[in-house]
Each structure stands twice: as structure tokens, then as C-alpha cells.
């Protein structure tokens, strides 16, 4: 079952474009706090033809107000897309405070043996531990930050199942009426 984008974005009528705040070109302290406290982020990329992909990422690190590092643990599509099309977006949500954040920018891929590998991979390798080898680093250079003070009611009826979400892409779509980051029209049924 596909859920219309308008229903996803305005399921309760409590959230819309007027609630979105353009926070500028770098991460402020509130944005860094939200990112640092998140368990997951979603990396939205698109291939050279514009076909979107949203992938949950557990290992990520805010290196500076204008740079986010993401570990490639098992993300061949994400890395391939970034190589083909550098435009990307990282999205997070704090479900307890009902706030969302999108960070748009240009991404690149750094692999072992490249000059910046040791410096950029170190914090991610520390977070991942021995259980999850970091294959490469996806670096997002921040160009624009957008936040939402409230995302309550954005998850459309029918996406909850046994107390959990049907999929991480359903959650990613729930935080996205902020715009162009994640294409909700490509939702897949459970």
C-alpha cells in the first residue's frame, strides 16, 4: 500500500512547511546536540539518474559544525550513489522531543589508503569497535541545515505495527515534509 505524500506530511494537521526553520549553512549547538544524541541517522542519496535511496546509519560523528562523518559498514549503494551524485542529506529525529533535523550538503567517499583516511576514520572506528569493520567514510560537507520543532502526527495511519514502525524508510518519510531530502513517493509496502 502506497501512502500519498500529502497524507504523510500532514496526517494530523499539526506540521507543515511553516514549521520548518532554515537554520543556515552550518550546524549550531542545538543541531549538534540533536545529531550527537541520535541513535540512527538516515542518509539520503540518489544515483546519477536521480533514483533515491535512504539508508539508516548507526555509526556517524559530527566532526565540526560543517562536517558529518558516516561509516560505510555495508553500504555499497550509498557509496556508489555518492560517487555518482555528491548531493546528499542526513536526517535525524528525536522521537521523545518530537524534533527533526535535515542536513543537506555535498558528500564524498574516503577509502583506506587515501591521505585523509587515518584522521577521518578514527572516530568512526572507535564508535564501531571490532564488531563492525569500517570499509570507507562518507563525509558530508554541510551546505544547509533545516529543522522542525515538531513532527508529531506525521507518521501516516497504518505504518505502526505491533508497537514498532513498519520500516526505517517509513520513519524517514515521517520526518520529511521538510522537503526534498527523502522522496516519500518511493515508499514500499511492508
N, C-alpha and C. Protein backbone atom coordinates (compact mmCIF):
# COMPACT_ATOMS: atom_id res chain seq x y z
N UNK A 1 0.84 -1.17 0.00
CA UNK A 1 0.00 0.00 0.00
C UNK A 1 0.89 1.23 0.00
N UNK A 2 0.68 2.10 -0.93
CA UNK A 2 1.43 3.34 -1.02
C UNK A 2 0.64 4.45 -0.34
N UNK A 3 1.31 5.26 0.44
CA UNK A 3 0.65 6.35 1.15
C UNK A 3 0.94 7.64 0.41
N UNK A 4 -0.10 8.40 0.05
CA UNK A 4 0.14 9.66 -0.65
C UNK A 4 1.01 10.60 0.18
N UNK A 5 1.90 11.32 -0.49
CA UNK A 5 2.82 12.23 0.18
C UNK A 5 2.07 13.24 1.03
N UNK A 6 0.96 13.77 0.53
CA UNK A 6 0.23 14.78 1.30
C UNK A 6 -0.28 14.20 2.62
N UNK A 7 -0.63 12.91 2.63
CA UNK A 7 -1.10 12.27 3.86
C UNK A 7 0.05 12.05 4.83
N UNK A 8 1.22 11.73 4.31
CA UNK A 8 2.39 11.54 5.16
C UNK A 8 2.74 12.86 5.82
N UNK A 9 2.79 13.92 5.07
CA UNK A 9 3.28 15.19 5.56
C UNK A 9 2.32 15.90 6.49
N UNK A 10 1.04 15.67 6.32
CA UNK A 10 0.08 16.43 7.09
C UNK A 10 -1.00 15.56 7.72
N UNK A 11 -0.59 14.40 8.20
CA UNK A 11 -1.54 13.44 8.75
C UNK A 11 -2.39 14.03 9.86
N UNK A 12 -1.84 14.87 10.69
CA UNK A 12 -2.62 15.41 11.80
C UNK A 12 -2.91 16.89 11.66
N UNK A 13 -2.37 17.50 10.65
CA UNK A 13 -2.57 18.93 10.50
C UNK A 13 -1.73 19.76 11.47
N UNK A 14 -0.81 19.13 12.19
CA UNK A 14 -0.01 19.87 13.16
C UNK A 14 1.38 20.21 12.66
N UNK A 15 1.71 19.83 11.44
CA UNK A 15 3.06 20.03 10.95
C UNK A 15 3.00 20.42 9.49
N UNK A 16 3.73 21.41 9.12
CA UNK A 16 3.73 21.81 7.72
C UNK A 16 4.93 22.69 7.44
N UNK A 17 5.04 23.16 6.20
CA UNK A 17 6.19 23.95 5.80
C UNK A 17 6.42 25.18 6.66
N UNK A 18 5.37 25.76 7.23
CA UNK A 18 5.58 26.95 8.06
C UNK A 18 6.30 26.62 9.35
N UNK A 19 6.32 25.32 9.75
CA UNK A 19 7.01 24.90 10.96
C UNK A 19 8.50 24.67 10.71
N UNK A 20 8.91 24.60 9.46
CA UNK A 20 10.29 24.32 9.11
C UNK A 20 11.13 25.58 9.29
N UNK A 21 12.28 25.40 9.89
CA UNK A 21 13.18 26.52 10.13
C UNK A 21 14.47 26.28 9.37
N UNK A 22 14.84 27.22 8.53
CA UNK A 22 16.12 27.13 7.83
C UNK A 22 17.17 27.67 8.79
N UNK A 23 18.03 26.76 9.26
CA UNK A 23 18.99 27.11 10.30
C UNK A 23 20.32 27.60 9.76
N UNK A 24 20.45 27.75 8.48
CA UNK A 24 21.67 28.30 7.93
C UNK A 24 22.57 27.28 7.28
N UNK A 25 23.84 27.62 7.21
CA UNK A 25 24.81 26.84 6.46
C UNK A 25 25.72 25.97 7.31
N UNK A 26 25.65 26.07 8.62
CA UNK A 26 26.45 25.22 9.50
C UNK A 26 25.58 24.73 10.64
N UNK A 27 26.06 23.70 11.32
CA UNK A 27 25.34 23.14 12.46
C UNK A 27 25.55 24.03 13.68
N UNK A 28 24.46 24.45 14.31
CA UNK A 28 24.59 25.19 15.55
C UNK A 28 24.64 24.21 16.72
N UNK A 29 24.78 24.70 17.92
CA UNK A 29 24.94 23.82 19.09
C UNK A 29 23.72 22.93 19.30
N UNK A 30 22.51 23.43 19.04
CA UNK A 30 21.31 22.60 19.18
C UNK A 30 21.28 21.48 18.16
N UNK A 31 21.67 21.78 16.94
CA UNK A 31 21.72 20.75 15.88
C UNK A 31 22.76 19.69 16.20
N UNK A 32 23.91 20.12 16.68
CA UNK A 32 24.97 19.17 17.04
C UNK A 32 24.49 18.28 18.19
N UNK A 33 23.80 18.87 19.15
CA UNK A 33 23.27 18.10 20.28
C UNK A 33 22.26 17.06 19.79
N UNK A 34 21.37 17.45 18.90
CA UNK A 34 20.37 16.53 18.36
C UNK A 34 21.05 15.39 17.59
N UNK A 35 22.01 15.71 16.74
CA UNK A 35 22.74 14.69 15.99
C UNK A 35 23.54 13.77 16.92
N UNK A 36 24.21 14.35 17.89
CA UNK A 36 25.05 13.56 18.79
C UNK A 36 24.23 12.62 19.66
N UNK A 37 22.99 12.98 19.95
CA UNK A 37 22.14 12.15 20.78
C UNK A 37 21.33 11.13 20.01
N UNK A 38 21.35 11.19 18.71
CA UNK A 38 20.54 10.28 17.89
C UNK A 38 21.17 8.89 17.83
N UNK A 39 20.31 7.89 17.84
CA UNK A 39 20.76 6.51 17.73
C UNK A 39 21.02 6.16 16.27
N UNK A 40 20.21 6.70 15.39
CA UNK A 40 20.32 6.47 13.95
C UNK A 40 20.23 7.79 13.22
N UNK A 41 20.84 7.83 12.06
CA UNK A 41 20.54 8.89 11.11
C UNK A 41 20.16 8.19 9.82
N UNK A 42 19.52 8.90 8.94
CA UNK A 42 19.20 8.35 7.63
C UNK A 42 19.97 9.15 6.61
N UNK A 43 20.69 8.45 5.76
CA UNK A 43 21.45 9.08 4.69
C UNK A 43 20.64 8.94 3.40
N UNK A 44 20.26 10.06 2.84
CA UNK A 44 19.53 10.08 1.58
C UNK A 44 20.50 10.43 0.47
N UNK A 45 20.55 9.57 -0.53
CA UNK A 45 21.40 9.79 -1.70
C UNK A 45 20.56 9.51 -2.94
N UNK A 46 21.10 9.80 -4.08
CA UNK A 46 20.43 9.48 -5.35
C UNK A 46 21.50 9.09 -6.35
N UNK A 47 21.14 8.16 -7.22
CA UNK A 47 22.10 7.77 -8.24
C UNK A 47 22.14 8.80 -9.36
N UNK A 48 22.92 8.54 -10.37
CA UNK A 48 23.11 9.50 -11.46
C UNK A 48 21.80 9.80 -12.19
N UNK A 49 20.84 8.87 -12.16
CA UNK A 49 19.54 9.08 -12.80
C UNK A 49 18.54 9.75 -11.88
N UNK A 50 18.93 10.00 -10.64
CA UNK A 50 18.03 10.64 -9.69
C UNK A 50 17.19 9.68 -8.87
N UNK A 51 17.43 8.37 -8.99
CA UNK A 51 16.68 7.41 -8.19
C UNK A 51 17.16 7.48 -6.75
N UNK A 52 16.24 7.77 -5.81
CA UNK A 52 16.64 7.98 -4.43
C UNK A 52 16.90 6.68 -3.67
N UNK A 53 17.69 6.81 -2.63
CA UNK A 53 17.95 5.71 -1.71
C UNK A 53 18.08 6.31 -0.32
N UNK A 54 17.41 5.71 0.64
CA UNK A 54 17.51 6.14 2.03
C UNK A 54 18.02 4.96 2.82
N UNK A 55 19.08 5.18 3.56
CA UNK A 55 19.72 4.09 4.28
C UNK A 55 19.99 4.50 5.72
N UNK A 56 19.53 3.69 6.69
CA UNK A 56 19.81 4.03 8.08
C UNK A 56 21.30 3.81 8.40
N UNK A 57 21.85 4.68 9.20
CA UNK A 57 23.26 4.60 9.59
C UNK A 57 23.37 4.70 11.10
N UNK A 58 24.05 3.75 11.71
CA UNK A 58 24.23 3.76 13.16
C UNK A 58 25.52 4.41 13.60
N UNK A 59 26.52 4.39 12.74
CA UNK A 59 27.84 4.91 13.10
C UNK A 59 28.09 6.21 12.34
N UNK A 60 27.96 7.32 13.05
CA UNK A 60 28.20 8.63 12.45
C UNK A 60 28.73 9.57 13.52
N UNK A 61 29.37 10.64 13.08
CA UNK A 61 30.08 11.51 14.00
C UNK A 61 30.09 12.94 13.45
N UNK A 62 29.74 13.90 14.29
CA UNK A 62 29.81 15.31 13.89
C UNK A 62 31.24 15.76 14.15
N UNK A 63 31.96 15.96 13.07
CA UNK A 63 33.38 16.34 13.20
C UNK A 63 33.54 17.82 13.48
N UNK A 64 32.67 18.62 12.90
CA UNK A 64 32.72 20.07 13.08
C UNK A 64 31.35 20.63 12.70
N UNK A 65 31.12 21.92 12.91
CA UNK A 65 29.82 22.49 12.53
C UNK A 65 29.52 22.42 11.03
N UNK A 66 30.53 22.10 10.23
CA UNK A 66 30.27 22.00 8.79
C UNK A 66 30.64 20.64 8.19
N UNK A 67 30.74 19.61 9.04
CA UNK A 67 31.14 18.30 8.52
C UNK A 67 30.60 17.16 9.39
N UNK A 68 29.96 16.18 8.73
CA UNK A 68 29.48 14.97 9.38
C UNK A 68 30.16 13.78 8.71
N UNK A 69 30.65 12.86 9.53
CA UNK A 69 31.28 11.64 9.01
C UNK A 69 30.35 10.47 9.26
N UNK A 70 30.21 9.60 8.26
CA UNK A 70 29.33 8.44 8.34
C UNK A 70 30.14 7.21 7.94
N UNK A 71 30.04 6.16 8.75
CA UNK A 71 30.77 4.93 8.46
C UNK A 71 30.03 4.12 7.40
N UNK A 72 30.78 3.65 6.43
CA UNK A 72 30.26 2.67 5.47
C UNK A 72 30.62 1.31 6.05
N UNK A 73 29.62 0.66 6.63
CA UNK A 73 29.80 -0.68 7.18
C UNK A 73 29.40 -1.70 6.12
N UNK A 74 28.23 -1.50 5.55
CA UNK A 74 27.71 -2.39 4.50
C UNK A 74 26.79 -1.57 3.60
N UNK A 75 27.34 -0.56 2.96
CA UNK A 75 26.53 0.40 2.21
C UNK A 75 27.00 0.59 0.78
N UNK A 76 27.05 -0.47 -0.01
CA UNK A 76 27.56 -0.28 -1.37
C UNK A 76 26.71 0.69 -2.20
N UNK A 77 25.40 0.70 -2.00
CA UNK A 77 24.55 1.62 -2.77
C UNK A 77 24.82 3.06 -2.36
N UNK A 78 24.93 3.32 -1.06
CA UNK A 78 25.19 4.70 -0.60
C UNK A 78 26.51 5.22 -1.16
N UNK A 79 27.56 4.42 -1.06
CA UNK A 79 28.86 4.88 -1.56
C UNK A 79 28.85 5.04 -3.07
N UNK A 80 28.23 4.10 -3.78
CA UNK A 80 28.14 4.22 -5.24
C UNK A 80 27.36 5.49 -5.62
N UNK A 81 26.25 5.74 -4.94
CA UNK A 81 25.47 6.94 -5.24
C UNK A 81 26.26 8.21 -4.98
N UNK A 82 26.97 8.28 -3.87
CA UNK A 82 27.75 9.47 -3.54
C UNK A 82 28.83 9.71 -4.59
N UNK A 83 29.44 8.65 -5.07
CA UNK A 83 30.46 8.79 -6.11
C UNK A 83 29.84 9.32 -7.41
N UNK A 84 28.62 8.87 -7.73
CA UNK A 84 27.93 9.30 -8.95
C UNK A 84 27.27 10.67 -8.82
N UNK A 85 26.76 10.97 -7.62
CA UNK A 85 25.98 12.19 -7.41
C UNK A 85 26.27 12.64 -5.97
N UNK A 86 27.05 13.67 -5.81
CA UNK A 86 27.54 14.07 -4.50
C UNK A 86 26.49 14.73 -3.61
N UNK A 87 25.35 15.12 -4.16
CA UNK A 87 24.31 15.74 -3.34
C UNK A 87 23.72 14.70 -2.39
N UNK A 88 23.67 15.02 -1.10
CA UNK A 88 23.16 14.07 -0.11
C UNK A 88 22.51 14.83 1.03
N UNK A 89 21.82 14.09 1.88
CA UNK A 89 21.17 14.67 3.04
C UNK A 89 21.20 13.66 4.18
N UNK A 90 21.46 14.15 5.37
CA UNK A 90 21.36 13.34 6.58
C UNK A 90 20.16 13.85 7.35
N UNK A 91 19.32 12.93 7.79
CA UNK A 91 18.14 13.29 8.57
C UNK A 91 18.14 12.53 9.89
N UNK A 92 17.74 13.21 10.95
CA UNK A 92 17.60 12.58 12.26
C UNK A 92 16.29 13.06 12.88
N UNK A 93 15.83 12.28 13.84
CA UNK A 93 14.64 12.67 14.58
C UNK A 93 14.84 12.29 16.04
N UNK A 94 14.41 13.16 16.91
CA UNK A 94 14.36 12.86 18.33
C UNK A 94 12.89 12.58 18.64
N UNK A 95 12.54 11.32 18.77
CA UNK A 95 11.14 10.94 18.95
C UNK A 95 10.60 11.39 20.30
N UNK A 96 11.45 11.57 21.28
CA UNK A 96 10.99 11.98 22.60
C UNK A 96 10.68 13.47 22.66
N UNK A 97 11.51 14.26 21.99
CA UNK A 97 11.29 15.71 21.95
C UNK A 97 10.48 16.11 20.72
N UNK A 98 10.23 15.18 19.82
CA UNK A 98 9.48 15.39 18.59
C UNK A 98 10.06 16.54 17.77
N UNK A 99 11.36 16.42 17.51
CA UNK A 99 12.07 17.39 16.67
C UNK A 99 12.80 16.65 15.59
N UNK A 100 12.87 17.24 14.42
CA UNK A 100 13.60 16.64 13.32
C UNK A 100 14.64 17.60 12.77
N UNK A 101 15.60 17.04 12.06
CA UNK A 101 16.68 17.84 11.50
C UNK A 101 17.12 17.23 10.18
N UNK A 102 17.34 18.07 9.20
CA UNK A 102 17.91 17.63 7.94
C UNK A 102 19.15 18.47 7.66
N UNK A 103 20.18 17.78 7.23
CA UNK A 103 21.44 18.44 6.91
C UNK A 103 21.77 18.10 5.46
N UNK A 104 21.72 19.11 4.61
CA UNK A 104 21.99 18.94 3.19
C UNK A 104 23.43 19.31 2.90
N UNK A 105 23.99 18.65 1.90
CA UNK A 105 25.35 19.01 1.53
C UNK A 105 25.90 18.19 0.40
N UNK A 106 27.20 18.30 0.26
CA UNK A 106 27.94 17.56 -0.76
C UNK A 106 28.75 16.50 -0.04
N UNK A 107 28.65 15.28 -0.53
CA UNK A 107 29.33 14.16 0.12
C UNK A 107 30.46 13.64 -0.77
N UNK A 108 31.42 13.03 -0.11
CA UNK A 108 32.47 12.31 -0.82
C UNK A 108 32.81 11.07 -0.03
N UNK A 109 33.53 10.17 -0.68
CA UNK A 109 33.89 8.88 -0.08
C UNK A 109 35.41 8.83 0.09
N UNK A 110 35.84 8.48 1.31
CA UNK A 110 37.26 8.35 1.61
C UNK A 110 37.52 6.89 1.95
N UNK A 111 38.47 6.28 1.27
CA UNK A 111 38.79 4.86 1.48
C UNK A 111 40.16 4.69 2.13
N UNK A 112 40.35 3.51 2.70
CA UNK A 112 41.64 3.18 3.32
C UNK A 112 42.76 3.43 2.31
N UNK A 113 43.85 3.99 2.80
CA UNK A 113 45.00 4.27 1.94
C UNK A 113 44.99 5.69 1.40
N UNK A 114 43.85 6.37 1.41
CA UNK A 114 43.80 7.75 0.95
C UNK A 114 44.37 8.66 2.04
N UNK A 115 44.89 9.83 1.66
CA UNK A 115 45.58 10.69 2.63
C UNK A 115 44.78 11.03 3.90
N UNK A 116 43.48 11.22 3.82
CA UNK A 116 42.69 11.63 4.98
C UNK A 116 42.11 10.45 5.77
N UNK A 117 42.34 9.24 5.30
CA UNK A 117 41.72 8.05 5.92
C UNK A 117 41.97 7.95 7.42
N UNK A 118 43.21 8.03 7.84
CA UNK A 118 43.52 7.83 9.26
C UNK A 118 42.79 8.82 10.16
N UNK A 119 42.80 10.08 9.79
CA UNK A 119 42.16 11.12 10.60
C UNK A 119 40.64 10.98 10.58
N UNK A 120 40.05 10.77 9.40
CA UNK A 120 38.59 10.75 9.29
C UNK A 120 37.98 9.44 9.79
N UNK A 121 38.66 8.35 9.63
CA UNK A 121 38.09 7.06 10.04
C UNK A 121 38.22 6.80 11.53
N UNK A 122 39.19 7.42 12.20
CA UNK A 122 39.48 7.13 13.61
C UNK A 122 38.25 7.23 14.52
N UNK A 123 37.47 8.34 14.50
CA UNK A 123 36.32 8.40 15.42
C UNK A 123 35.24 7.37 15.08
N UNK A 124 35.11 7.04 13.81
CA UNK A 124 34.11 6.05 13.40
C UNK A 124 34.52 4.64 13.80
N UNK A 125 35.80 4.34 13.64
CA UNK A 125 36.33 3.02 14.03
C UNK A 125 36.19 2.85 15.54
N UNK A 126 36.43 3.93 16.29
CA UNK A 126 36.26 3.86 17.74
C UNK A 126 34.80 3.58 18.11
N UNK A 127 33.87 4.23 17.44
CA UNK A 127 32.45 4.00 17.70
C UNK A 127 32.00 2.60 17.29
N UNK A 128 32.53 2.11 16.18
CA UNK A 128 32.11 0.81 15.65
C UNK A 128 32.71 -0.35 16.43
N UNK A 129 33.89 -0.15 16.98
CA UNK A 129 34.55 -1.24 17.68
C UNK A 129 35.00 -2.32 16.71
N UNK A 130 35.37 -3.47 17.25
CA UNK A 130 35.87 -4.56 16.42
C UNK A 130 34.78 -5.30 15.67
N UNK A 131 33.54 -5.16 16.13
CA UNK A 131 32.44 -5.94 15.55
C UNK A 131 32.06 -5.51 14.14
N UNK A 132 32.31 -4.25 13.81
CA UNK A 132 31.86 -3.72 12.52
C UNK A 132 33.00 -3.00 11.81
N UNK A 133 33.67 -3.66 10.89
CA UNK A 133 34.76 -3.00 10.16
C UNK A 133 34.25 -1.85 9.29
N UNK A 134 34.91 -0.72 9.36
CA UNK A 134 34.57 0.44 8.55
C UNK A 134 35.26 0.30 7.21
N UNK A 135 34.46 0.17 6.14
CA UNK A 135 35.02 -0.03 4.80
C UNK A 135 35.46 1.28 4.15
N UNK A 136 34.68 2.33 4.42
CA UNK A 136 35.01 3.65 3.91
C UNK A 136 34.29 4.68 4.76
N UNK A 137 34.62 5.94 4.55
CA UNK A 137 33.99 7.05 5.26
C UNK A 137 33.23 7.88 4.24
N UNK A 138 31.98 8.17 4.56
CA UNK A 138 31.21 9.12 3.75
C UNK A 138 31.24 10.43 4.53
N UNK A 139 31.80 11.46 3.89
CA UNK A 139 31.91 12.77 4.53
C UNK A 139 30.87 13.70 3.89
N UNK A 140 30.01 14.27 4.74
CA UNK A 140 29.03 15.24 4.26
C UNK A 140 29.51 16.63 4.65
N UNK A 141 29.81 17.45 3.66
CA UNK A 141 30.16 18.85 3.89
C UNK A 141 28.86 19.64 3.89
N UNK A 142 28.54 20.23 5.03
CA UNK A 142 27.25 20.88 5.26
C UNK A 142 27.10 22.12 4.40
N UNK A 143 25.96 22.19 3.70
CA UNK A 143 25.63 23.38 2.92
C UNK A 143 24.38 24.08 3.46
N UNK A 144 23.47 23.29 4.06
CA UNK A 144 22.22 23.87 4.56
C UNK A 144 21.68 22.97 5.66
N UNK A 145 21.12 23.59 6.69
CA UNK A 145 20.53 22.87 7.80
C UNK A 145 19.09 23.34 7.95
N UNK A 146 18.19 22.38 8.06
CA UNK A 146 16.77 22.70 8.27
C UNK A 146 16.27 21.88 9.44
N UNK A 147 15.49 22.52 10.30
CA UNK A 147 14.97 21.81 11.45
C UNK A 147 13.47 22.00 11.55
N UNK A 148 12.88 21.09 12.27
CA UNK A 148 11.45 21.15 12.54
C UNK A 148 11.27 21.07 14.05
N UNK A 149 10.54 21.99 14.63
CA UNK A 149 10.36 21.95 16.06
C UNK A 149 9.39 20.87 16.51
N UNK A 150 8.59 20.35 15.58
CA UNK A 150 7.60 19.35 15.96
C UNK A 150 7.28 18.47 14.78
N UNK A 151 7.31 17.16 14.98
CA UNK A 151 6.95 16.23 13.92
C UNK A 151 5.79 15.34 14.34
N UNK A 152 5.12 15.67 15.41
CA UNK A 152 4.01 14.87 15.92
C UNK A 152 2.94 14.69 14.86
N UNK A 153 2.51 13.46 14.71
CA UNK A 153 1.42 13.17 13.81
C UNK A 153 1.81 12.96 12.37
N UNK A 154 3.09 13.01 12.05
CA UNK A 154 3.50 12.88 10.66
C UNK A 154 3.47 11.45 10.15
N UNK A 155 3.54 10.48 11.05
CA UNK A 155 3.56 9.10 10.60
C UNK A 155 2.16 8.72 10.20
N UNK A 156 1.93 8.34 8.95
CA UNK A 156 0.58 8.08 8.49
C UNK A 156 -0.04 6.85 9.15
N UNK A 157 -1.36 6.85 9.23
CA UNK A 157 -2.09 5.72 9.78
C UNK A 157 -1.69 4.46 9.04
N UNK A 158 -1.48 3.39 9.79
CA UNK A 158 -1.15 2.11 9.17
C UNK A 158 0.34 1.82 9.12
N UNK A 159 1.19 2.78 9.50
CA UNK A 159 2.63 2.48 9.45
C UNK A 159 3.12 1.84 10.72
N UNK A 160 2.34 1.90 11.79
CA UNK A 160 2.75 1.24 13.04
C UNK A 160 2.25 -0.19 13.02
N UNK A 161 3.08 -1.07 13.50
CA UNK A 161 2.71 -2.48 13.58
C UNK A 161 3.34 -3.06 14.84
N UNK A 162 2.53 -3.57 15.74
CA UNK A 162 3.00 -4.16 17.00
C UNK A 162 3.93 -3.23 17.76
N UNK A 163 3.58 -1.96 17.81
CA UNK A 163 4.36 -1.01 18.59
C UNK A 163 5.60 -0.50 17.89
N UNK A 164 5.91 -1.00 16.71
CA UNK A 164 7.11 -0.55 16.00
C UNK A 164 6.75 0.00 14.65
N UNK A 165 7.71 0.59 14.01
CA UNK A 165 7.48 1.09 12.66
C UNK A 165 7.63 -0.02 11.65
N UNK A 166 6.93 0.10 10.57
CA UNK A 166 6.98 -0.90 9.51
C UNK A 166 8.38 -0.98 8.93
N UNK A 167 9.02 0.14 8.79
CA UNK A 167 10.39 0.15 8.25
C UNK A 167 11.07 1.45 8.59
N UNK A 168 12.38 1.46 8.49
CA UNK A 168 13.09 2.70 8.76
C UNK A 168 12.78 3.74 7.70
N UNK A 169 12.45 3.31 6.47
CA UNK A 169 12.12 4.30 5.45
C UNK A 169 10.80 4.96 5.76
N UNK A 170 9.88 4.25 6.45
CA UNK A 170 8.64 4.88 6.87
C UNK A 170 8.94 5.99 7.87
N UNK A 171 9.89 5.75 8.77
CA UNK A 171 10.26 6.76 9.74
C UNK A 171 10.95 7.92 9.03
N UNK A 172 11.81 7.61 8.09
CA UNK A 172 12.50 8.67 7.35
C UNK A 172 11.49 9.53 6.61
N UNK A 173 10.49 8.91 6.01
CA UNK A 173 9.47 9.68 5.31
C UNK A 173 8.66 10.51 6.29
N UNK A 174 8.52 10.02 7.51
CA UNK A 174 7.75 10.76 8.50
C UNK A 174 8.42 12.07 8.87
N UNK A 175 9.74 12.14 8.80
CA UNK A 175 10.40 13.39 9.17
C UNK A 175 10.59 14.30 7.97
N UNK A 176 10.13 13.86 6.83
CA UNK A 176 10.45 14.61 5.64
C UNK A 176 9.32 15.45 5.12
N UNK A 177 8.57 16.21 5.54
CA UNK A 177 7.93 17.22 4.72
C UNK A 177 8.83 18.42 4.73
N UNK A 178 9.97 18.27 5.36
CA UNK A 178 10.93 19.35 5.31
C UNK A 178 11.40 19.50 3.88
N UNK A 179 11.11 18.52 3.07
CA UNK A 179 11.33 18.77 1.68
C UNK A 179 11.93 17.67 0.89
N UNK A 180 12.94 18.03 0.21
CA UNK A 180 13.46 17.29 -0.91
C UNK A 180 14.42 16.19 -0.51
N UNK A 181 14.71 16.06 0.74
CA UNK A 181 15.73 15.12 1.20
C UNK A 181 15.37 13.69 0.86
N UNK A 182 14.22 13.26 1.31
CA UNK A 182 13.84 11.87 1.15
C UNK A 182 12.57 11.84 0.32
N UNK A 183 12.54 11.09 -0.73
CA UNK A 183 11.40 11.08 -1.62
C UNK A 183 10.40 10.06 -1.12
N UNK A 184 9.35 10.53 -0.46
CA UNK A 184 8.35 9.65 0.14
C UNK A 184 7.52 8.93 -0.91
N UNK A 185 7.48 9.45 -2.09
CA UNK A 185 6.68 8.82 -3.13
C UNK A 185 7.20 7.43 -3.49
N UNK A 186 8.40 7.11 -3.09
CA UNK A 186 9.00 5.80 -3.39
C UNK A 186 8.84 4.80 -2.25
N UNK A 187 7.89 5.05 -1.33
CA UNK A 187 7.67 4.12 -0.23
C UNK A 187 7.33 2.74 -0.78
N UNK A 188 7.81 1.75 -0.09
CA UNK A 188 7.49 0.37 -0.46
C UNK A 188 6.57 -0.23 0.59
N UNK A 189 5.62 -1.06 0.18
CA UNK A 189 4.78 -1.71 1.19
C UNK A 189 5.59 -2.68 2.03
N UNK A 190 5.10 -2.96 3.24
CA UNK A 190 5.80 -3.87 4.14
C UNK A 190 5.71 -5.30 3.62
